[in-house]
Every structure is written in structure tokens, then in C-alpha cells.
Amino acid sequence: MFSDELKNLLIRVITSWQVIIVTLVILLYVAIVNHASRSHYKRKTPPLPKPAKVKHEETEPEEQADDSSLGLED
């Protein structure tokens, strides 16, 4: 399919130091951009709602009711 000369040329080009360095630089660049984008757009969990504050109303102690206020007859 391929001639031997073309096969040898492709192998020499692919394994040349310039191609290897450029490939490593591109991979490093993609890794840095990926890391930066993940840390910048990190999904934050929505904050939990604060519990409602219960106001403690000061209630006056109930007065002792006498029988006349209940409407009871003797």
C-alpha cells in the first residue's frame, strides 16, 4: 500500500524531536486551560437556607381565675 520510502519518512517525521516537543507543549497548554476553566466554573452547592429565628415572646403568667369569672354557679 505505502512505499517503503514513504513509510520511513513518516516514521522519521513523527519521531523527530520538533514534533514531539510541539505535541507536549500543546498537551500542556490544553491541561492548563482545562484546569483553569474547571477551577473558575466550579459548581457551588447552593447555600442552605438559614433556619427561621423563633421570637420568644414573653408571656405573662396567667392569673389565677376565681370561680366567678368562669360563670359557674355555687
C-alpha atoms as a PDB file:
ATOM      1  CA  MET A   1       0.000   0.000   0.000  1.00  0.00           C
ATOM      2  CA  PHE A   2       2.678   2.517   1.067  1.00  0.00           C
ATOM      3  CA  SER A   3       6.097   2.506  -0.396  1.00  0.00           C
ATOM      4  CA  ASP A   4       8.967   1.843   1.955  1.00  0.00           C
ATOM      5  CA  GLU A   5      10.370   5.326   1.423  1.00  0.00           C
ATOM      6  CA  LEU A   6       7.095   6.982   2.434  1.00  0.00           C
ATOM      7  CA  LYS A   7       6.771   4.722   5.467  1.00  0.00           C
ATOM      8  CA  ASN A   8      10.307   5.545   6.630  1.00  0.00           C
ATOM      9  CA  LEU A   9       9.744   9.259   6.020  1.00  0.00           C
ATOM     10  CA  LEU A  10       6.548   9.250   8.135  1.00  0.00           C
ATOM     11  CA  ILE A  11       8.265   7.403  10.949  1.00  0.00           C
ATOM     12  CA  ARG A  12      11.189   9.838  10.925  1.00  0.00           C
ATOM     13  CA  VAL A  13       8.870  12.881  10.906  1.00  0.00           C
ATOM     14  CA  ILE A  14       6.640  11.568  13.673  1.00  0.00           C
ATOM     15  CA  THR A  15       9.581  10.654  15.899  1.00  0.00           C
ATOM     16  CA  SER A  16      11.520  13.873  15.274  1.00  0.00           C
ATOM     17  CA  TRP A  17      12.242  15.973  18.338  1.00  0.00           C
ATOM     18  CA  GLN A  18      10.405  19.010  16.935  1.00  0.00           C
ATOM     19  CA  VAL A  19       7.134  17.101  16.540  1.00  0.00           C
ATOM     20  CA  ILE A  20       7.459  15.539  19.995  1.00  0.00           C
ATOM     21  CA  ILE A  21       8.170  18.929  21.653  1.00  0.00           C
ATOM     22  CA  VAL A  22       5.264  20.653  19.881  1.00  0.00           C
ATOM     23  CA  THR A  23       2.929  17.800  20.851  1.00  0.00           C
ATOM     24  CA  LEU A  24       3.984  18.014  24.512  1.00  0.00           C
ATOM     25  CA  VAL A  25       3.549  21.803  24.534  1.00  0.00           C
ATOM     26  CA  ILE A  26       0.059  21.509  23.069  1.00  0.00           C
ATOM     27  CA  LEU A  27      -0.885  18.857  25.633  1.00  0.00           C
ATOM     28  CA  LEU A  28       0.478  21.016  28.468  1.00  0.00           C
ATOM     29  CA  TYR A  29      -1.472  24.035  27.198  1.00  0.00           C
ATOM     30  CA  VAL A  30      -4.716  22.043  26.993  1.00  0.00           C
ATOM     31  CA  ALA A  31      -4.173  20.690  30.519  1.00  0.00           C
ATOM     32  CA  ILE A  32      -3.595  24.183  31.944  1.00  0.00           C
ATOM     33  CA  VAL A  33      -6.647  25.632  30.196  1.00  0.00           C
ATOM     34  CA  ASN A  34      -8.767  22.690  31.364  1.00  0.00           C
ATOM     35  CA  HIS A  35      -7.587  23.115  34.959  1.00  0.00           C
ATOM     36  CA  ALA A  36      -8.203  26.870  34.910  1.00  0.00           C
ATOM     37  CA  SER A  37     -11.680  26.510  33.468  1.00  0.00           C
ATOM     38  CA  ARG A  38     -12.658  23.845  35.988  1.00  0.00           C
ATOM     39  CA  SER A  39     -11.447  25.857  38.952  1.00  0.00           C
ATOM     40  CA  HIS A  40     -13.133  29.040  37.696  1.00  0.00           C
ATOM     41  CA  TYR A  41     -16.508  27.494  36.930  1.00  0.00           C
ATOM     42  CA  LYS A  42     -16.574  25.124  39.861  1.00  0.00           C
ATOM     43  CA  ARG A  43     -20.133  24.218  40.703  1.00  0.00           C
ATOM     44  CA  LYS A  44     -21.023  25.544  44.068  1.00  0.00           C
ATOM     45  CA  THR A  45     -23.627  23.876  46.169  1.00  0.00           C
ATOM     46  CA  PRO A  46     -26.495  26.225  46.862  1.00  0.00           C
ATOM     47  CA  PRO A  47     -26.345  27.632  50.356  1.00  0.00           C
ATOM     48  CA  LEU A  48     -28.700  26.064  52.812  1.00  0.00           C
ATOM     49  CA  PRO A  49     -31.473  28.375  53.964  1.00  0.00           C
ATOM     50  CA  LYS A  50     -30.974  29.716  57.426  1.00  0.00           C
ATOM     51  CA  PRO A  51     -33.493  28.420  59.926  1.00  0.00           C
ATOM     52  CA  ALA A  52     -36.175  30.905  60.794  1.00  0.00           C
ATOM     53  CA  LYS A  53     -35.484  32.637  64.038  1.00  0.00           C
ATOM     54  CA  VAL A  54     -38.185  31.956  66.573  1.00  0.00           C
ATOM     55  CA  LYS A  55     -39.059  35.010  68.539  1.00  0.00           C
ATOM     56  CA  HIS A  56     -39.567  34.152  72.156  1.00  0.00           C
ATOM     57  CA  GLU A  57     -42.412  36.380  73.184  1.00  0.00           C
ATOM     58  CA  GLU A  58     -42.522  36.990  76.838  1.00  0.00           C
ATOM     59  CA  THR A  59     -45.866  35.780  78.032  1.00  0.00           C
ATOM     60  CA  GLU A  60     -47.170  36.987  81.296  1.00  0.00           C
ATOM     61  CA  PRO A  61     -48.078  34.240  83.720  1.00  0.00           C
ATOM     62  CA  GLU A  62     -51.766  33.553  83.779  1.00  0.00           C
ATOM     63  CA  GLU A  63     -53.516  34.868  86.805  1.00  0.00           C
ATOM     64  CA  GLN A  64     -55.466  32.503  88.949  1.00  0.00           C
ATOM     65  CA  ALA A  65     -59.060  32.853  87.920  1.00  0.00           C
ATOM     66  CA  ASP A  66     -61.669  32.732  90.613  1.00  0.00           C
ATOM     67  CA  ASP A  67     -64.926  30.836  90.177  1.00  0.00           C
ATOM     68  CA  SER A  68     -66.931  33.945  89.391  1.00  0.00           C
ATOM     69  CA  SER A  69     -65.023  34.602  86.193  1.00  0.00           C
ATOM     70  CA  LEU A  70     -65.810  31.096  84.935  1.00  0.00           C
ATOM     71  CA  GLY A  71     -69.510  31.670  85.094  1.00  0.00           C
ATOM     72  CA  LEU A  72     -70.098  28.767  87.431  1.00  0.00           C
ATOM     73  CA  GLU A  73     -72.890  28.899  89.924  1.00  0.00           C
ATOM     74  CA  ASP A  74     -72.493  27.880  93.544  1.00  0.00           C
END
